[in-house]
Amino acid sequence: MSGGSTKARNKKSANRQEKTNINKEKDRLTAEASTAMAKPQANLDSISKQIEAMRSELKTDLTISKEDIATQIKNELTELKKTLTRNW
């Protein structure tokens, strides 16, 4: 009977050791994956900030351009009205 009991204890011990080894490997791989993902994530964050800055700058430039075009059109219309009024 003790032979069977010893085998059972040895098997349980081996199973526990295997689970421990699996958990250690899982933890190691998780840490490795986290480290590997940190740099690409930092790069993505940097790119995202650059894109947002460019978007903001483009929005400002577009607003200024629209205002300049509107002013130019008003001035040209005013000149055209003056010319038409003089010629009639």
N, C-alpha and C. Protein backbone atom coordinates (compact mmCIF):
# COMPACT_ATOMS: atom_id res chain seq x y z
N MET A 1 0.80 -1.18 0.00
CA MET A 1 0.00 0.00 0.00
C MET A 1 0.86 1.26 0.00
N SER A 2 1.95 1.22 0.75
CA SER A 2 2.76 2.41 0.82
C SER A 2 3.44 2.71 -0.50
N GLY A 3 3.68 1.68 -1.34
CA GLY A 3 4.25 1.91 -2.66
C GLY A 3 3.32 2.73 -3.52
N GLY A 4 2.02 2.41 -3.48
CA GLY A 4 1.03 3.16 -4.26
C GLY A 4 0.87 4.56 -3.73
N SER A 5 0.94 4.70 -2.44
CA SER A 5 0.80 6.00 -1.80
C SER A 5 1.99 6.89 -2.15
N THR A 6 3.16 6.32 -2.18
CA THR A 6 4.37 7.08 -2.53
C THR A 6 4.29 7.53 -3.97
N LYS A 7 3.84 6.67 -4.85
CA LYS A 7 3.70 7.04 -6.26
C LYS A 7 2.71 8.19 -6.42
N ALA A 8 1.61 8.12 -5.68
CA ALA A 8 0.60 9.17 -5.76
C ALA A 8 1.17 10.49 -5.28
N ARG A 9 1.93 10.45 -4.16
CA ARG A 9 2.55 11.68 -3.63
C ARG A 9 3.57 12.22 -4.62
N ASN A 10 4.35 11.33 -5.20
CA ASN A 10 5.36 11.77 -6.17
C ASN A 10 4.69 12.40 -7.40
N LYS A 11 3.59 11.80 -7.83
CA LYS A 11 2.87 12.33 -8.99
C LYS A 11 2.29 13.71 -8.67
N LYS A 12 1.72 13.87 -7.47
CA LYS A 12 1.17 15.17 -7.06
C LYS A 12 2.28 16.20 -6.98
N SER A 13 3.42 15.79 -6.43
CA SER A 13 4.55 16.70 -6.32
C SER A 13 5.05 17.12 -7.71
N ALA A 14 5.11 16.14 -8.61
CA ALA A 14 5.54 16.44 -9.98
C ALA A 14 4.54 17.37 -10.65
N ASN A 15 3.25 17.16 -10.42
CA ASN A 15 2.22 18.03 -11.00
C ASN A 15 2.34 19.46 -10.46
N ARG A 16 2.58 19.57 -9.14
CA ARG A 16 2.75 20.90 -8.54
C ARG A 16 3.97 21.60 -9.12
N GLN A 17 5.05 20.84 -9.25
CA GLN A 17 6.28 21.42 -9.81
C GLN A 17 6.05 21.86 -11.26
N GLU A 18 5.34 21.06 -12.02
CA GLU A 18 5.04 21.40 -13.41
C GLU A 18 4.18 22.66 -13.48
N LYS A 19 3.19 22.77 -12.59
CA LYS A 19 2.35 23.97 -12.56
C LYS A 19 3.18 25.19 -12.18
N THR A 20 4.08 25.00 -11.22
CA THR A 20 4.96 26.10 -10.81
C THR A 20 5.83 26.54 -11.98
N ASN A 21 6.40 25.57 -12.68
CA ASN A 21 7.24 25.89 -13.84
C ASN A 21 6.44 26.59 -14.94
N ILE A 22 5.23 26.12 -15.16
CA ILE A 22 4.36 26.75 -16.17
C ILE A 22 4.04 28.18 -15.77
N ASN A 23 3.73 28.40 -14.49
CA ASN A 23 3.41 29.76 -14.01
C ASN A 23 4.63 30.67 -14.13
N LYS A 24 5.81 30.15 -13.80
CA LYS A 24 7.03 30.95 -13.93
C LYS A 24 7.27 31.33 -15.39
N GLU A 25 7.09 30.37 -16.28
CA GLU A 25 7.28 30.62 -17.71
C GLU A 25 6.25 31.62 -18.22
N LYS A 26 5.01 31.48 -17.75
CA LYS A 26 3.95 32.41 -18.14
C LYS A 26 4.31 33.82 -17.66
N ASP A 27 4.77 33.94 -16.42
CA ASP A 27 5.16 35.25 -15.89
C ASP A 27 6.33 35.85 -16.68
N ARG A 28 7.30 35.00 -17.02
CA ARG A 28 8.45 35.46 -17.79
C ARG A 28 8.02 35.96 -19.17
N LEU A 29 7.17 35.19 -19.82
CA LEU A 29 6.69 35.58 -21.14
C LEU A 29 5.83 36.84 -21.09
N THR A 30 5.02 36.96 -20.05
CA THR A 30 4.20 38.16 -19.88
C THR A 30 5.08 39.39 -19.71
N ALA A 31 6.11 39.26 -18.88
CA ALA A 31 7.04 40.38 -18.67
C ALA A 31 7.76 40.72 -19.97
N GLU A 32 8.18 39.71 -20.69
CA GLU A 32 8.88 39.91 -21.95
C GLU A 32 7.97 40.59 -22.97
N ALA A 33 6.73 40.17 -23.02
CA ALA A 33 5.77 40.77 -23.95
C ALA A 33 5.51 42.23 -23.58
N SER A 34 5.39 42.50 -22.30
CA SER A 34 5.16 43.88 -21.85
C SER A 34 6.32 44.78 -22.23
N THR A 35 7.52 44.28 -22.04
CA THR A 35 8.71 45.05 -22.39
C THR A 35 8.76 45.28 -23.90
N ALA A 36 8.45 44.23 -24.66
CA ALA A 36 8.48 44.34 -26.12
C ALA A 36 7.43 45.33 -26.63
N MET A 37 6.31 45.42 -25.95
CA MET A 37 5.23 46.31 -26.39
C MET A 37 5.45 47.76 -25.95
N ALA A 38 6.29 47.99 -24.96
CA ALA A 38 6.47 49.34 -24.43
C ALA A 38 7.03 50.29 -25.48
N LYS A 39 8.05 49.88 -26.22
CA LYS A 39 8.66 50.77 -27.21
C LYS A 39 7.70 51.10 -28.35
N PRO A 40 7.06 50.09 -28.97
CA PRO A 40 6.10 50.45 -30.03
C PRO A 40 4.97 51.35 -29.52
N GLN A 41 4.52 51.13 -28.29
CA GLN A 41 3.46 51.96 -27.74
C GLN A 41 3.95 53.39 -27.56
N ALA A 42 5.19 53.54 -27.09
CA ALA A 42 5.76 54.89 -26.94
C ALA A 42 5.87 55.56 -28.30
N ASN A 43 6.28 54.80 -29.32
CA ASN A 43 6.36 55.35 -30.67
C ASN A 43 4.99 55.78 -31.18
N LEU A 44 3.99 54.95 -30.94
CA LEU A 44 2.63 55.29 -31.36
C LEU A 44 2.13 56.53 -30.65
N ASP A 45 2.43 56.64 -29.36
CA ASP A 45 2.01 57.82 -28.61
C ASP A 45 2.68 59.08 -29.18
N SER A 46 3.96 58.96 -29.51
CA SER A 46 4.69 60.09 -30.08
C SER A 46 4.11 60.49 -31.44
N ILE A 47 3.84 59.51 -32.27
CA ILE A 47 3.26 59.77 -33.59
C ILE A 47 1.88 60.41 -33.45
N SER A 48 1.11 59.92 -32.51
CA SER A 48 -0.23 60.46 -32.28
C SER A 48 -0.15 61.93 -31.88
N LYS A 49 0.80 62.28 -31.02
CA LYS A 49 0.97 63.67 -30.60
C LYS A 49 1.40 64.54 -31.77
N GLN A 50 2.29 64.01 -32.61
CA GLN A 50 2.74 64.76 -33.78
C GLN A 50 1.58 65.00 -34.75
N ILE A 51 0.77 63.99 -34.96
CA ILE A 51 -0.38 64.12 -35.86
C ILE A 51 -1.36 65.15 -35.31
N GLU A 52 -1.60 65.12 -34.01
CA GLU A 52 -2.52 66.08 -33.40
C GLU A 52 -1.98 67.50 -33.54
N ALA A 53 -0.68 67.69 -33.36
CA ALA A 53 -0.07 69.01 -33.51
C ALA A 53 -0.20 69.50 -34.96
N MET A 54 0.04 68.60 -35.91
CA MET A 54 -0.09 68.96 -37.32
C MET A 54 -1.53 69.29 -37.67
N ARG A 55 -2.47 68.52 -37.14
CA ARG A 55 -3.89 68.77 -37.39
C ARG A 55 -4.28 70.15 -36.88
N SER A 56 -3.81 70.47 -35.70
CA SER A 56 -4.12 71.77 -35.11
C SER A 56 -3.52 72.90 -35.94
N GLU A 57 -2.29 72.71 -36.38
CA GLU A 57 -1.63 73.72 -37.20
C GLU A 57 -2.35 73.89 -38.54
N LEU A 58 -2.74 72.78 -39.15
CA LEU A 58 -3.47 72.85 -40.42
C LEU A 58 -4.82 73.55 -40.26
N LYS A 59 -5.49 73.27 -39.15
CA LYS A 59 -6.78 73.90 -38.89
C LYS A 59 -6.60 75.42 -38.77
N THR A 60 -5.57 75.84 -38.07
CA THR A 60 -5.29 77.27 -37.93
C THR A 60 -4.97 77.89 -39.28
N ASP A 61 -4.10 77.21 -40.05
CA ASP A 61 -3.74 77.72 -41.38
C ASP A 61 -4.96 77.81 -42.28
N LEU A 62 -5.83 76.82 -42.23
CA LEU A 62 -7.04 76.82 -43.05
C LEU A 62 -7.95 77.99 -42.68
N THR A 63 -8.10 78.22 -41.39
CA THR A 63 -8.94 79.34 -40.93
C THR A 63 -8.38 80.66 -41.44
N ILE A 64 -7.06 80.83 -41.33
CA ILE A 64 -6.42 82.07 -41.80
C ILE A 64 -6.60 82.21 -43.31
N SER A 65 -6.41 81.13 -44.04
CA SER A 65 -6.57 81.16 -45.50
C SER A 65 -7.99 81.52 -45.89
N LYS A 66 -8.97 80.93 -45.21
CA LYS A 66 -10.37 81.24 -45.51
C LYS A 66 -10.65 82.72 -45.27
N GLU A 67 -10.12 83.26 -44.19
CA GLU A 67 -10.33 84.67 -43.89
C GLU A 67 -9.67 85.54 -44.94
N ASP A 68 -8.45 85.17 -45.36
CA ASP A 68 -7.74 85.94 -46.39
C ASP A 68 -8.50 85.91 -47.72
N ILE A 69 -9.01 84.74 -48.09
CA ILE A 69 -9.76 84.61 -49.34
C ILE A 69 -11.04 85.43 -49.27
N ALA A 70 -11.73 85.36 -48.14
CA ALA A 70 -12.97 86.14 -47.99
C ALA A 70 -12.68 87.63 -48.10
N THR A 71 -11.62 88.08 -47.48
CA THR A 71 -11.26 89.50 -47.55
C THR A 71 -10.90 89.89 -48.98
N GLN A 72 -10.15 89.04 -49.64
CA GLN A 72 -9.76 89.32 -51.03
C GLN A 72 -10.99 89.39 -51.94
N ILE A 73 -11.93 88.48 -51.77
CA ILE A 73 -13.15 88.48 -52.58
C ILE A 73 -13.97 89.74 -52.31
N LYS A 74 -14.10 90.13 -51.04
CA LYS A 74 -14.84 91.36 -50.71
C LYS A 74 -14.18 92.57 -51.36
N ASN A 75 -12.85 92.63 -51.29
CA ASN A 75 -12.14 93.77 -51.89
C ASN A 75 -12.34 93.80 -53.40
N GLU A 76 -12.26 92.63 -54.02
CA GLU A 76 -12.45 92.58 -55.47
C GLU A 76 -13.88 92.95 -55.87
N LEU A 77 -14.86 92.51 -55.09
CA LEU A 77 -16.25 92.87 -55.36
C LEU A 77 -16.46 94.37 -55.20
N THR A 78 -15.85 94.94 -54.19
CA THR A 78 -15.95 96.38 -53.97
C THR A 78 -15.37 97.13 -55.16
N GLU A 79 -14.20 96.71 -55.64
CA GLU A 79 -13.58 97.34 -56.80
C GLU A 79 -14.44 97.17 -58.05
N LEU A 80 -15.01 95.98 -58.21
CA LEU A 80 -15.87 95.71 -59.37
C LEU A 80 -17.11 96.62 -59.33
N LYS A 81 -17.70 96.76 -58.14
CA LYS A 81 -18.86 97.65 -58.01
C LYS A 81 -18.49 99.08 -58.37
N LYS A 82 -17.33 99.53 -57.90
CA LYS A 82 -16.88 100.89 -58.22
C LYS A 82 -16.71 101.06 -59.73
N THR A 83 -16.08 100.06 -60.35
CA THR A 83 -15.85 100.11 -61.80
C THR A 83 -17.18 100.13 -62.55
N LEU A 84 -18.11 99.28 -62.15
CA LEU A 84 -19.41 99.23 -62.81
C LEU A 84 -20.17 100.54 -62.62
N THR A 85 -20.10 101.07 -61.44
CA THR A 85 -20.81 102.33 -61.14
C THR A 85 -20.23 103.47 -61.98
N ARG A 86 -18.94 103.53 -62.14
CA ARG A 86 -18.28 104.58 -62.95
C ARG A 86 -18.64 104.45 -64.44
N ASN A 87 -18.77 103.23 -64.88
CA ASN A 87 -19.01 103.00 -66.32
C ASN A 87 -20.48 103.08 -66.69
N TRP A 88 -21.37 103.21 -65.76
CA TRP A 88 -22.79 103.26 -66.10
C TRP A 88 -23.28 104.63 -65.98
